[in-house]
Amino acid sequence: MIDLSQVSRRSVMVLKITSKRQVTFPQHVLDELDLVPGDRVMLIASEDGYVLKPRTLDLSKLAPLKDRIPRDCGAFNLGAYRREGHEGPIRD
């Protein structure tokens, strides 16, 4: 179990769970994790409790696209894509 006396005050937050089992995270936390509404997070069980992490992309799912994407097209900038605004959510 985590010894809360050894944890800084900034790293401890109390979140309220609504009747719909939802929580609202402080904006600075979402910014630090680069999360926006609609993103998914992983809840991972550990010896000390649970760890919440942004859901990562399974790169093996991209393998079928390997020969379909030109090598000179550059890297995809997800942050820029999100700022541009598009209709509908990105689904995985």
PDB file of N, CA and C in Angstrom:
ATOM      1  N   MET A   1       0.834  -1.180   0.000  1.00  0.00           N
ATOM      2  CA  MET A   1       0.000   0.000   0.000  1.00  0.00           C
ATOM      3  C   MET A   1       0.884   1.251   0.000  1.00  0.00           C
ATOM      4  N   ILE A   2       0.421   2.287  -0.638  1.00  0.00           N
ATOM      5  CA  ILE A   2       1.182   3.536  -0.716  1.00  0.00           C
ATOM      6  C   ILE A   2       1.123   4.252   0.624  1.00  0.00           C
ATOM      7  N   ASP A   3       2.279   4.698   1.109  1.00  0.00           N
ATOM      8  CA  ASP A   3       2.364   5.458   2.350  1.00  0.00           C
ATOM      9  C   ASP A   3       2.135   6.925   2.009  1.00  0.00           C
ATOM     10  N   LEU A   4       0.936   7.434   2.277  1.00  0.00           N
ATOM     11  CA  LEU A   4       0.584   8.800   1.890  1.00  0.00           C
ATOM     12  C   LEU A   4       1.418   9.851   2.608  1.00  0.00           C
ATOM     13  N   SER A   5       2.005   9.514   3.741  1.00  0.00           N
ATOM     14  CA  SER A   5       2.849  10.478   4.446  1.00  0.00           C
ATOM     15  C   SER A   5       4.134  10.760   3.670  1.00  0.00           C
ATOM     16  N   GLN A   6       4.480   9.888   2.726  1.00  0.00           N
ATOM     17  CA  GLN A   6       5.700  10.041   1.932  1.00  0.00           C
ATOM     18  C   GLN A   6       5.434  10.684   0.565  1.00  0.00           C
ATOM     19  N   VAL A   7       4.173  11.065   0.296  1.00  0.00           N
ATOM     20  CA  VAL A   7       3.780  11.601  -1.012  1.00  0.00           C
ATOM     21  C   VAL A   7       3.575  13.103  -0.892  1.00  0.00           C
ATOM     22  N   SER A   8       4.038  13.865  -1.890  1.00  0.00           N
ATOM     23  CA  SER A   8       3.859  15.322  -1.852  1.00  0.00           C
ATOM     24  C   SER A   8       2.389  15.689  -2.010  1.00  0.00           C
ATOM     25  N   ARG A   9       2.011  16.837  -1.460  1.00  0.00           N
ATOM     26  CA  ARG A   9       0.605  17.279  -1.515  1.00  0.00           C
ATOM     27  C   ARG A   9       0.132  17.469  -2.955  1.00  0.00           C
ATOM     28  N   ARG A  10       1.012  17.902  -3.852  1.00  0.00           N
ATOM     29  CA  ARG A  10       0.622  18.136  -5.253  1.00  0.00           C
ATOM     30  C   ARG A  10       0.241  16.835  -5.948  1.00  0.00           C
ATOM     31  N   SER A  11       0.816  15.723  -5.529  1.00  0.00           N
ATOM     32  CA  SER A  11       0.546  14.469  -6.225  1.00  0.00           C
ATOM     33  C   SER A  11      -0.657  13.721  -5.667  1.00  0.00           C
ATOM     34  N   VAL A  12      -1.307  14.256  -4.631  1.00  0.00           N
ATOM     35  CA  VAL A  12      -2.491  13.612  -4.067  1.00  0.00           C
ATOM     36  C   VAL A  12      -3.712  14.455  -4.408  1.00  0.00           C
ATOM     37  N   MET A  13      -4.680  13.849  -5.051  1.00  0.00           N
ATOM     38  CA  MET A  13      -5.931  14.529  -5.411  1.00  0.00           C
ATOM     39  C   MET A  13      -7.095  13.641  -5.031  1.00  0.00           C
ATOM     40  N   VAL A  14      -8.151  14.259  -4.555  1.00  0.00           N
ATOM     41  CA  VAL A  14      -9.360  13.516  -4.225  1.00  0.00           C
ATOM     42  C   VAL A  14     -10.394  13.853  -5.292  1.00  0.00           C
ATOM     43  N   LEU A  15     -10.916  12.812  -5.948  1.00  0.00           N
ATOM     44  CA  LEU A  15     -11.906  12.989  -7.006  1.00  0.00           C
ATOM     45  C   LEU A  15     -13.225  12.381  -6.555  1.00  0.00           C
ATOM     46  N   LYS A  16     -14.313  13.033  -6.878  1.00  0.00           N
ATOM     47  CA  LYS A  16     -15.633  12.550  -6.507  1.00  0.00           C
ATOM     48  C   LYS A  16     -16.196  11.674  -7.628  1.00  0.00           C
ATOM     49  N   ILE A  17     -16.786  10.546  -7.265  1.00  0.00           N
ATOM     50  CA  ILE A  17     -17.442   9.662  -8.224  1.00  0.00           C
ATOM     51  C   ILE A  17     -18.930  10.000  -8.216  1.00  0.00           C
ATOM     52  N   THR A  18     -19.471  10.301  -9.405  1.00  0.00           N
ATOM     53  CA  THR A  18     -20.885  10.653  -9.504  1.00  0.00           C
ATOM     54  C   THR A  18     -21.752   9.395  -9.467  1.00  0.00           C
ATOM     55  N   SER A  19     -23.068   9.605  -9.436  1.00  0.00           N
ATOM     56  CA  SER A  19     -23.994   8.467  -9.427  1.00  0.00           C
ATOM     57  C   SER A  19     -23.893   7.645 -10.713  1.00  0.00           C
ATOM     58  N   LYS A  20     -23.349   8.243 -11.764  1.00  0.00           N
ATOM     59  CA  LYS A  20     -23.135   7.518 -13.028  1.00  0.00           C
ATOM     60  C   LYS A  20     -21.735   6.910 -13.093  1.00  0.00           C
ATOM     61  N   ARG A  21     -21.030   6.884 -11.969  1.00  0.00           N
ATOM     62  CA  ARG A  21     -19.677   6.346 -11.853  1.00  0.00           C
ATOM     63  C   ARG A  21     -18.675   7.110 -12.724  1.00  0.00           C
ATOM     64  N   GLN A  22     -18.839   8.402 -12.827  1.00  0.00           N
ATOM     65  CA  GLN A  22     -17.936   9.251 -13.600  1.00  0.00           C
ATOM     66  C   GLN A  22     -17.107  10.115 -12.650  1.00  0.00           C
ATOM     67  N   VAL A  23     -15.909  10.479 -13.111  1.00  0.00           N
ATOM     68  CA  VAL A  23     -15.063  11.400 -12.348  1.00  0.00           C
ATOM     69  C   VAL A  23     -14.601  12.519 -13.269  1.00  0.00           C
ATOM     70  N   THR A  24     -14.304  13.661 -12.686  1.00  0.00           N
ATOM     71  CA  THR A  24     -13.764  14.784 -13.442  1.00  0.00           C
ATOM     72  C   THR A  24     -12.337  15.020 -12.954  1.00  0.00           C
ATOM     73  N   PHE A  25     -11.397  15.029 -13.895  1.00  0.00           N
ATOM     74  CA  PHE A  25     -10.001  15.245 -13.553  1.00  0.00           C
ATOM     75  C   PHE A  25      -9.658  16.719 -13.694  1.00  0.00           C
ATOM     76  N   PRO A  26      -8.779  17.232 -12.844  1.00  0.00           N
ATOM     77  CA  PRO A  26      -8.331  18.617 -12.993  1.00  0.00           C
ATOM     78  C   PRO A  26      -7.697  18.824 -14.373  1.00  0.00           C
ATOM     79  N   GLN A  27      -7.887  20.004 -14.932  1.00  0.00           N
ATOM     80  CA  GLN A  27      -7.393  20.297 -16.272  1.00  0.00           C
ATOM     81  C   GLN A  27      -5.886  20.096 -16.384  1.00  0.00           C
ATOM     82  N   HIS A  28      -5.133  20.483 -15.352  1.00  0.00           N
ATOM     83  CA  HIS A  28      -3.670  20.349 -15.457  1.00  0.00           C
ATOM     84  C   HIS A  28      -3.252  18.879 -15.571  1.00  0.00           C
ATOM     85  N   VAL A  29      -4.022  17.976 -14.992  1.00  0.00           N
ATOM     86  CA  VAL A  29      -3.718  16.551 -15.112  1.00  0.00           C
ATOM     87  C   VAL A  29      -3.951  16.089 -16.549  1.00  0.00           C
ATOM     88  N   LEU A  30      -5.091  16.493 -17.123  1.00  0.00           N
ATOM     89  CA  LEU A  30      -5.387  16.131 -18.514  1.00  0.00           C
ATOM     90  C   LEU A  30      -4.342  16.713 -19.455  1.00  0.00           C
ATOM     91  N   ASP A  31      -3.910  17.940 -19.186  1.00  0.00           N
ATOM     92  CA  ASP A  31      -2.879  18.571 -20.020  1.00  0.00           C
ATOM     93  C   ASP A  31      -1.556  17.803 -19.928  1.00  0.00           C
ATOM     94  N   GLU A  32      -1.158  17.423 -18.709  1.00  0.00           N
ATOM     95  CA  GLU A  32       0.100  16.699 -18.531  1.00  0.00           C
ATOM     96  C   GLU A  32       0.063  15.331 -19.208  1.00  0.00           C
ATOM     97  N   LEU A  33      -1.114  14.700 -19.252  1.00  0.00           N
ATOM     98  CA  LEU A  33      -1.246  13.390 -19.885  1.00  0.00           C
ATOM     99  C   LEU A  33      -1.595  13.499 -21.364  1.00  0.00           C
ATOM    100  N   ASP A  34      -1.772  14.738 -21.867  1.00  0.00           N
ATOM    101  CA  ASP A  34      -2.164  14.990 -23.258  1.00  0.00           C
ATOM    102  C   ASP A  34      -3.467  14.262 -23.598  1.00  0.00           C
ATOM    103  N   LEU A  35      -4.453  14.391 -22.694  1.00  0.00           N
ATOM    104  CA  LEU A  35      -5.761  13.766 -22.893  1.00  0.00           C
ATOM    105  C   LEU A  35      -6.814  14.810 -23.199  1.00  0.00           C
ATOM    106  N   VAL A  36      -7.744  14.451 -24.046  1.00  0.00           N
ATOM    107  CA  VAL A  36      -8.875  15.304 -24.382  1.00  0.00           C
ATOM    108  C   VAL A  36     -10.147  14.470 -24.247  1.00  0.00           C
ATOM    109  N   PRO A  37     -11.329  15.139 -24.170  1.00  0.00           N
ATOM    110  CA  PRO A  37     -12.570  14.373 -24.065  1.00  0.00           C
ATOM    111  C   PRO A  37     -12.680  13.332 -25.174  1.00  0.00           C
ATOM    112  N   GLY A  38     -13.082  12.131 -24.787  1.00  0.00           N
ATOM    113  CA  GLY A  38     -13.215  11.039 -25.745  1.00  0.00           C
ATOM    114  C   GLY A  38     -12.032  10.094 -25.750  1.00  0.00           C
ATOM    115  N   ASP A  39     -10.875  10.543 -25.226  1.00  0.00           N
ATOM    116  CA  ASP A  39      -9.709   9.655 -25.134  1.00  0.00           C
ATOM    117  C   ASP A  39     -10.005   8.540 -24.143  1.00  0.00           C
ATOM    118  N   ARG A  40      -9.256   7.471 -24.256  1.00  0.00           N
ATOM    119  CA  ARG A  40      -9.403   6.337 -23.352  1.00  0.00           C
ATOM    120  C   ARG A  40      -8.180   6.237 -22.459  1.00  0.00           C
ATOM    121  N   VAL A  41      -8.401   5.759 -21.247  1.00  0.00           N
ATOM    122  CA  VAL A  41      -7.311   5.539 -20.312  1.00  0.00           C
ATOM    123  C   VAL A  41      -7.350   4.088 -19.856  1.00  0.00           C
ATOM    124  N   MET A  42      -6.208   3.603 -19.383  1.00  0.00           N
ATOM    125  CA  MET A  42      -6.127   2.238 -18.867  1.00  0.00           C
ATOM    126  C   MET A  42      -6.057   2.305 -17.349  1.00  0.00           C
ATOM    127  N   LEU A  43      -6.764   1.416 -16.682  1.00  0.00           N
ATOM    128  CA  LEU A  43      -6.700   1.265 -15.239  1.00  0.00           C
ATOM    129  C   LEU A  43      -6.001  -0.066 -14.977  1.00  0.00           C
ATOM    130  N   ILE A  44      -4.795   0.008 -14.416  1.00  0.00           N
ATOM    131  CA  ILE A  44      -3.942  -1.166 -14.273  1.00  0.00           C
ATOM    132  C   ILE A  44      -3.820  -1.520 -12.797  1.00  0.00           C
ATOM    133  N   ALA A  45      -4.167  -2.761 -12.451  1.00  0.00           N
ATOM    134  CA  ALA A  45      -4.036  -3.221 -11.072  1.00  0.00           C
ATOM    135  C   ALA A  45      -2.563  -3.460 -10.763  1.00  0.00           C
ATOM    136  N   SER A  46      -2.133  -3.018  -9.580  1.00  0.00           N
ATOM    137  CA  SER A  46      -0.756  -3.245  -9.141  1.00  0.00           C
ATOM    138  C   SER A  46      -0.776  -3.635  -7.665  1.00  0.00           C
ATOM    139  N   GLU A  47       0.375  -3.949  -7.123  1.00  0.00           N
ATOM    140  CA  GLU A  47       0.463  -4.317  -5.709  1.00  0.00           C
ATOM    141  C   GLU A  47       0.040  -3.172  -4.802  1.00  0.00           C
ATOM    142  N   ASP A  48       0.268  -1.933  -5.237  1.00  0.00           N
ATOM    143  CA  ASP A  48      -0.046  -0.756  -4.425  1.00  0.00           C
ATOM    144  C   ASP A  48      -1.442  -0.214  -4.662  1.00  0.00           C
ATOM    145  N   GLY A  49      -2.219  -0.828  -5.517  1.00  0.00           N
ATOM    146  CA  GLY A  49      -3.562  -0.336  -5.829  1.00  0.00           C
ATOM    147  C   GLY A  49      -3.760  -0.332  -7.332  1.00  0.00           C
ATOM    148  N   TYR A  50      -4.210   0.788  -7.856  1.00  0.00           N
ATOM    149  CA  TYR A  50      -4.448   0.913  -9.293  1.00  0.00           C
ATOM    150  C   TYR A  50      -3.660   2.085  -9.854  1.00  0.00           C
ATOM    151  N   VAL A  51      -3.244   1.930 -11.097  1.00  0.00           N
ATOM    152  CA  VAL A  51      -2.502   2.972 -11.807  1.00  0.00           C
ATOM    153  C   VAL A  51      -3.323   3.355 -13.024  1.00  0.00           C
ATOM    154  N   LEU A  52      -3.500   4.647 -13.237  1.00  0.00           N
ATOM    155  CA  LEU A  52      -4.242   5.164 -14.377  1.00  0.00           C
ATOM    156  C   LEU A  52      -3.245   5.691 -15.393  1.00  0.00           C
ATOM    157  N   LYS A  53      -3.321   5.212 -16.640  1.00  0.00           N
ATOM    158  CA  LYS A  53      -2.386   5.644 -17.683  1.00  0.00           C
ATOM    159  C   LYS A  53      -3.154   5.935 -18.963  1.00  0.00           C
ATOM    160  N   PRO A  54      -2.640   6.860 -19.783  1.00  0.00           N
ATOM    161  CA  PRO A  54      -3.257   7.056 -21.092  1.00  0.00           C
ATOM    162  C   PRO A  54      -3.166   5.762 -21.887  1.00  0.00           C
ATOM    163  N   ARG A  55      -4.184   5.460 -22.641  1.00  0.00           N
ATOM    164  CA  ARG A  55      -4.150   4.248 -23.461  1.00  0.00           C
ATOM    165  C   ARG A  55      -3.151   4.461 -24.581  1.00  0.00           C
ATOM    166  N   THR A  56      -2.282   3.506 -24.753  1.00  0.00           N
ATOM    167  CA  THR A  56      -1.256   3.611 -25.788  1.00  0.00           C
ATOM    168  C   THR A  56      -1.698   2.876 -27.043  1.00  0.00           C
ATOM    169  N   LEU A  57      -1.123   3.254 -28.122  1.00  0.00           N
ATOM    170  CA  LEU A  57      -1.438   2.656 -29.411  1.00  0.00           C
ATOM    171  C   LEU A  57      -0.702   1.338 -29.573  1.00  0.00           C
ATOM    172  N   ASP A  58      -1.413   0.296 -29.987  1.00  0.00           N
ATOM    173  CA  ASP A  58      -0.802  -1.002 -30.269  1.00  0.00           C
ATOM    174  C   ASP A  58      -0.224  -0.936 -31.683  1.00  0.00           C
ATOM    175  N   LEU A  59       1.083  -0.744 -31.769  1.00  0.00           N
ATOM    176  CA  LEU A  59       1.729  -0.552 -33.070  1.00  0.00           C
ATOM    177  C   LEU A  59       1.582  -1.753 -33.993  1.00  0.00           C
ATOM    178  N   SER A  60       1.350  -2.927 -33.442  1.00  0.00           N
ATOM    179  CA  SER A  60       1.192  -4.106 -34.296  1.00  0.00           C
ATOM    180  C   SER A  60      -0.078  -3.995 -35.153  1.00  0.00           C
ATOM    181  N   LYS A  61      -1.039  -3.189 -34.684  1.00  0.00           N
ATOM    182  CA  LYS A  61      -2.264  -3.000 -35.474  1.00  0.00           C
ATOM    183  C   LYS A  61      -2.013  -2.143 -36.713  1.00  0.00           C
ATOM    184  N   LEU A  62      -0.896  -1.431 -36.723  1.00  0.00           N
ATOM    185  CA  LEU A  62      -0.570  -0.581 -37.865  1.00  0.00           C
ATOM    186  C   LEU A  62       0.195  -1.328 -38.951  1.00  0.00           C
ATOM    187  N   ALA A  63       0.662  -2.531 -38.656  1.00  0.00           N
ATOM    188  CA  ALA A  63       1.464  -3.297 -39.602  1.00  0.00           C
ATOM    189  C   ALA A  63       0.804  -3.437 -40.975  1.00  0.00           C
ATOM    190  N   PRO A  64      -0.499  -3.676 -41.081  1.00  0.00           N
ATOM    191  CA  PRO A  64      -1.111  -3.802 -42.407  1.00  0.00           C
ATOM    192  C   PRO A  64      -1.017  -2.522 -43.250  1.00  0.00           C
ATOM    193  N   LEU A  65      -0.770  -1.381 -42.605  1.00  0.00           N
ATOM    194  CA  LEU A  65      -0.676  -0.106 -43.331  1.00  0.00           C
ATOM    195  C   LEU A  65       0.742   0.192 -43.821  1.00  0.00           C
ATOM    196  N   LYS A  66       1.691  -0.632 -43.423  1.00  0.00           N
ATOM    197  CA  LYS A  66       3.103  -0.365 -43.695  1.00  0.00           C
ATOM    198  C   LYS A  66       3.381  -0.021 -45.152  1.00  0.00           C
ATOM    199  N   ASP A  67       2.853  -0.784 -46.059  1.00  0.00           N
ATOM    200  CA  ASP A  67       3.138  -0.558 -47.480  1.00  0.00           C
ATOM    201  C   ASP A  67       2.175   0.431 -48.132  1.00  0.00           C
ATOM    202  N   ARG A  68       1.214   0.938 -47.386  1.00  0.00           N
ATOM    203  CA  ARG A  68       0.210   1.849 -47.947  1.00  0.00           C
ATOM    204  C   ARG A  68       0.496   3.316 -47.630  1.00  0.00           C
ATOM    205  N   ILE A  69       1.446   3.570 -46.733  1.00  0.00           N
ATOM    206  CA  ILE A  69       1.773   4.936 -46.348  1.00  0.00           C
ATOM    207  C   ILE A  69       3.121   5.302 -46.950  1.00  0.00           C
ATOM    208  N   PRO A  70       3.185   6.374 -47.741  1.00  0.00           N
ATOM    209  CA  PRO A  70       4.459   6.778 -48.338  1.00  0.00           C
ATOM    210  C   PRO A  70       5.490   7.109 -47.258  1.00  0.00           C
ATOM    211  N   ARG A  71       6.724   6.689 -47.461  1.00  0.00           N
ATOM    212  CA  ARG A  71       7.774   6.917 -46.466  1.00  0.00           C
ATOM    213  C   ARG A  71       8.118   8.395 -46.303  1.00  0.00           C
ATOM    214  N   ASP A  72       7.873   9.206 -47.319  1.00  0.00           N
ATOM    215  CA  ASP A  72       8.239  10.619 -47.248  1.00  0.00           C
ATOM    216  C   ASP A  72       7.094  11.517 -46.776  1.00  0.00           C
ATOM    217  N   CYS A  73       6.036  10.948 -46.201  1.00  0.00           N
ATOM    218  CA  CYS A  73       4.886  11.761 -45.793  1.00  0.00           C
ATOM    219  C   CYS A  73       5.107  12.440 -44.448  1.00  0.00           C
ATOM    220  N   GLY A  74       6.152  12.097 -43.713  1.00  0.00           N
ATOM    221  CA  GLY A  74       6.428  12.725 -42.421  1.00  0.00           C
ATOM    222  C   GLY A  74       5.633  12.093 -41.290  1.00  0.00           C
ATOM    223  N   ALA A  75       5.924  12.537 -40.085  1.00  0.00           N
ATOM    224  CA  ALA A  75       5.268  11.988 -38.894  1.00  0.00           C
ATOM    225  C   ALA A  75       3.902  12.632 -38.706  1.00  0.00           C
ATOM    226  N   PHE A  76       2.980  11.868 -38.187  1.00  0.00           N
ATOM    227  CA  PHE A  76       1.641  12.373 -37.884  1.00  0.00           C
ATOM    228  C   PHE A  76       1.690  13.102 -36.546  1.00  0.00           C
ATOM    229  N   ASN A  77       1.187  14.339 -36.522  1.00  0.00           N
ATOM    230  CA  ASN A  77       1.181  15.149 -35.308  1.00  0.00           C
ATOM    231  C   ASN A  77      -0.228  15.144 -34.736  1.00  0.00           C
ATOM    232  N   LEU A  78      -0.467  14.298 -33.727  1.00  0.00           N
ATOM    233  CA  LEU A  78      -1.804  14.165 -33.154  1.00  0.00           C
ATOM    234  C   LEU A  78      -2.262  15.454 -32.495  1.00  0.00           C
ATOM    235  N   GLY A  79      -1.360  16.139 -31.819  1.00  0.00           N
ATOM    236  CA  GLY A  79      -1.722  17.407 -31.183  1.00  0.00           C
ATOM    237  C   GLY A  79      -2.222  18.423 -32.193  1.00  0.00           C
ATOM    238  N   ALA A  80      -1.522  18.562 -33.316  1.00  0.00           N
ATOM    239  CA  ALA A  80      -1.944  19.495 -34.367  1.00  0.00           C
ATOM    240  C   ALA A  80      -3.276  19.057 -34.973  1.00  0.00           C
ATOM    241  N   TYR A  81      -3.447  17.767 -35.174  1.00  0.00           N
ATOM    242  CA  TYR A  81      -4.696  17.236 -35.727  1.00  0.00           C
ATOM    243  C   TYR A  81      -5.869  17.583 -34.811  1.00  0.00           C
ATOM    244  N   ARG A  82      -5.665  17.424 -33.515  1.00  0.00           N
ATOM    245  CA  ARG A  82      -6.733  17.741 -32.555  1.00  0.00           C
ATOM    246  C   ARG A  82      -7.066  19.228 -32.574  1.00  0.00           C
ATOM    247  N   ARG A  83      -6.057  20.093 -32.679  1.00  0.00           N
ATOM    248  CA  ARG A  83      -6.292  21.531 -32.679  1.00  0.00           C
ATOM    249  C   ARG A  83      -7.017  22.004 -33.934  1.00  0.00           C
ATOM    250  N   GLU A  84      -6.846  21.295 -35.062  1.00  0.00           N
ATOM    251  CA  GLU A  84      -7.487  21.691 -36.317  1.00  0.00           C
ATOM    252  C   GLU A  84      -8.996  21.551 -36.245  1.00  0.00           C
ATOM    253  N   GLY A  85      -9.482  20.610 -35.466  1.00  0.00           N
ATOM    254  CA  GLY A  85     -10.925  20.397 -35.346  1.00  0.00           C
ATOM    255  C   GLY A  85     -11.461  19.608 -36.526  1.00  0.00           C
ATOM    256  N   HIS A  86     -12.073  18.497 -36.244  1.00  0.00           N
ATOM    257  CA  HIS A  86     -12.635  17.624 -37.258  1.00  0.00           C
ATOM    258  C   HIS A  86     -13.988  17.124 -36.780  1.00  0.00           C
ATOM    259  N   GLU A  87     -14.835  16.772 -37.713  1.00  0.00           N
ATOM    260  CA  GLU A  87     -16.141  16.240 -37.338  1.00  0.00           C
ATOM    261  C   GLU A  87     -16.001  14.805 -36.886  1.00  0.00           C
ATOM    262  N   GLY A  88     -16.677  14.477 -35.803  1.00  0.00           N
ATOM    263  CA  GLY A  88     -16.694  13.111 -35.300  1.00  0.00           C
ATOM    264  C   GLY A  88     -15.428  12.735 -34.575  1.00  0.00           C
ATOM    265  N   PRO A  89     -15.523  11.806 -33.654  1.00  0.00           N
ATOM    266  CA  PRO A  89     -14.351  11.379 -32.880  1.00  0.00           C
ATOM    267  C   PRO A  89     -13.470  10.419 -33.678  1.00  0.00           C
ATOM    268  N   ILE A  90     -12.214  10.332 -33.265  1.00  0.00           N
ATOM    269  CA  ILE A  90     -11.307   9.336 -33.833  1.00  0.00           C
ATOM    270  C   ILE A  90     -11.581   8.034 -33.099  1.00  0.00           C
ATOM    271  N   ARG A  91     -11.865   6.997 -33.831  1.00  0.00           N
ATOM    272  CA  ARG A  91     -12.156   5.706 -33.209  1.00  0.00           C
ATOM    273  C   ARG A  91     -10.965   4.775 -33.340  1.00  0.00           C
ATOM    274  N   ASP A  92     -10.787   3.911 -32.341  1.00  0.00           N
ATOM    275  CA  ASP A  92      -9.687   2.942 -32.425  1.00  0.00           C
ATOM    276  C   ASP A  92     -10.248   1.542 -32.429  1.00  0.00           C
TER     277      ASP A  92
END
